[in-house]
Amino acid sequence: MSDLDRFLISVKTLERSSLLKLREYDFDFFQPTAKFSEQEKKFTVDGFLSLDQIGRLVRDGYEVVVKKHYSKQGLPKSEIMSFREWTEENQEEESHERKGQA
């Protein structure tokens, strides 16, 4: 893996204060994805991070779930989707996660 590889991830934490503390890292988090999962009883936020950044979060006590890997050549230039497409994709992921926990 190269230093330019990136990963689509979710960061999970039990405390709201820990979620808010993620702002101090200056990493590429997607703030609109921040939410609380009643089922898991955890706060989550998605992001687009390097392996070193993921390691730092794990060392600092965060749970990080890697959703997808993008190599240097495979980094998306830009991905445009409608709000409807985005919400449908997220609903599919949540449904898949629920089935995996059942």
Protein backbone atom coordinates (compact mmCIF):
# COMPACT_ATOMS: atom_id res chain seq x y z
CA MET A 1 0.00 0.00 0.00
CA SER A 2 1.18 3.47 -0.73
CA ASP A 3 0.91 6.58 1.42
CA LEU A 4 -1.68 7.85 -1.04
CA ASP A 5 -4.11 4.98 -0.41
CA ARG A 6 -7.30 6.10 1.28
CA PHE A 7 -10.11 4.28 3.04
CA LEU A 8 -13.78 5.08 3.41
CA ILE A 9 -14.36 4.51 7.12
CA SER A 10 -16.77 4.91 10.01
CA VAL A 11 -15.55 6.01 13.42
CA LYS A 12 -17.59 4.80 16.39
CA THR A 13 -17.50 5.98 19.97
CA LEU A 14 -19.67 5.65 23.05
CA GLU A 15 -19.45 9.29 24.10
CA ARG A 16 -20.64 12.42 22.34
CA SER A 17 -17.65 14.34 23.67
CA SER A 18 -15.30 11.89 21.94
CA LEU A 19 -17.17 12.39 18.69
CA LEU A 20 -16.82 16.17 19.01
CA LYS A 21 -13.12 15.80 19.83
CA LEU A 22 -12.55 14.34 16.35
CA ARG A 23 -12.60 17.94 15.06
CA GLU A 24 -9.16 18.43 16.62
CA TYR A 25 -7.62 15.87 14.24
CA ASP A 26 -8.17 17.92 11.07
CA PHE A 27 -8.93 14.70 9.16
CA ASP A 28 -11.38 14.33 6.29
CA PHE A 29 -14.59 13.51 8.18
CA PHE A 30 -18.02 13.96 6.63
CA GLN A 31 -19.81 15.97 9.31
CA PRO A 32 -23.30 15.49 7.82
CA THR A 33 -22.94 11.74 8.47
CA ALA A 34 -22.52 12.16 12.24
CA LYS A 35 -25.30 10.39 14.11
CA PHE A 36 -26.23 8.32 17.14
CA SER A 37 -27.23 4.69 16.61
CA GLU A 38 -29.91 3.61 19.08
CA GLN A 39 -29.26 -0.02 18.18
CA GLU A 40 -25.52 0.09 18.84
CA LYS A 41 -25.70 2.86 21.45
CA LYS A 42 -22.75 4.56 19.73
CA PHE A 43 -22.02 7.81 17.94
CA THR A 44 -20.65 7.44 14.40
CA VAL A 45 -19.22 9.60 11.64
CA ASP A 46 -17.85 8.63 8.23
CA GLY A 47 -14.58 9.81 6.75
CA PHE A 48 -11.95 9.33 4.07
CA LEU A 49 -8.60 8.60 5.76
CA SER A 50 -5.12 7.21 5.22
CA LEU A 51 -3.86 4.12 7.01
CA ASP A 52 -1.69 6.28 9.31
CA GLN A 53 -4.70 8.40 10.25
CA ILE A 54 -6.75 5.27 10.99
CA GLY A 55 -3.92 3.94 13.16
CA ARG A 56 -3.78 7.18 15.13
CA LEU A 57 -7.52 7.04 15.85
CA VAL A 58 -7.29 3.40 16.96
CA ARG A 59 -4.32 4.20 19.25
CA ASP A 60 -6.40 7.02 20.74
CA GLY A 61 -9.20 4.58 21.60
CA TYR A 62 -11.64 5.00 18.71
CA GLU A 63 -13.32 2.08 16.95
CA VAL A 64 -12.75 2.37 13.19
CA VAL A 65 -14.65 0.30 10.63
CA VAL A 66 -13.13 0.23 7.13
CA LYS A 67 -15.85 0.20 4.49
CA LYS A 68 -13.85 0.51 1.27
CA HIS A 69 -10.24 0.87 0.11
CA TYR A 70 -9.16 3.22 -2.67
CA SER A 71 -5.67 2.81 -4.09
CA LYS A 72 -3.76 5.78 -5.48
CA GLN A 73 -5.00 4.94 -8.97
CA GLY A 74 -8.53 4.26 -7.80
CA LEU A 75 -9.23 7.45 -5.89
CA PRO A 76 -12.50 8.94 -7.02
CA LYS A 77 -12.04 12.22 -8.87
CA SER A 78 -15.50 13.29 -7.89
CA GLU A 79 -18.69 11.49 -7.25
CA ILE A 80 -21.93 13.33 -7.68
CA MET A 81 -25.13 11.80 -6.46
CA SER A 82 -28.51 13.11 -5.57
CA PHE A 83 -29.64 13.29 -1.97
CA ARG A 84 -32.10 10.49 -2.73
CA GLU A 85 -29.30 8.22 -4.02
CA TRP A 86 -27.17 9.02 -0.98
CA THR A 87 -29.95 8.25 1.51
CA GLU A 88 -30.88 5.03 -0.30
CA GLU A 89 -27.25 3.89 -0.20
CA ASN A 90 -27.01 4.64 3.53
CA GLN A 91 -30.29 2.84 4.23
CA GLU A 92 -28.99 -0.23 2.37
CA GLU A 93 -25.78 -0.19 4.46
CA GLU A 94 -27.71 0.17 7.72
CA SER A 95 -30.06 -2.64 6.72
CA HIS A 96 -27.08 -4.86 5.91
CA GLU A 97 -25.47 -4.02 9.28
CA ARG A 98 -28.68 -4.89 11.14
CA LYS A 99 -28.92 -8.26 9.38
CA GLY A 100 -25.31 -9.01 10.31
CA GLN A 101 -25.99 -8.31 13.99
CA ALA A 102 -29.15 -10.40 14.18
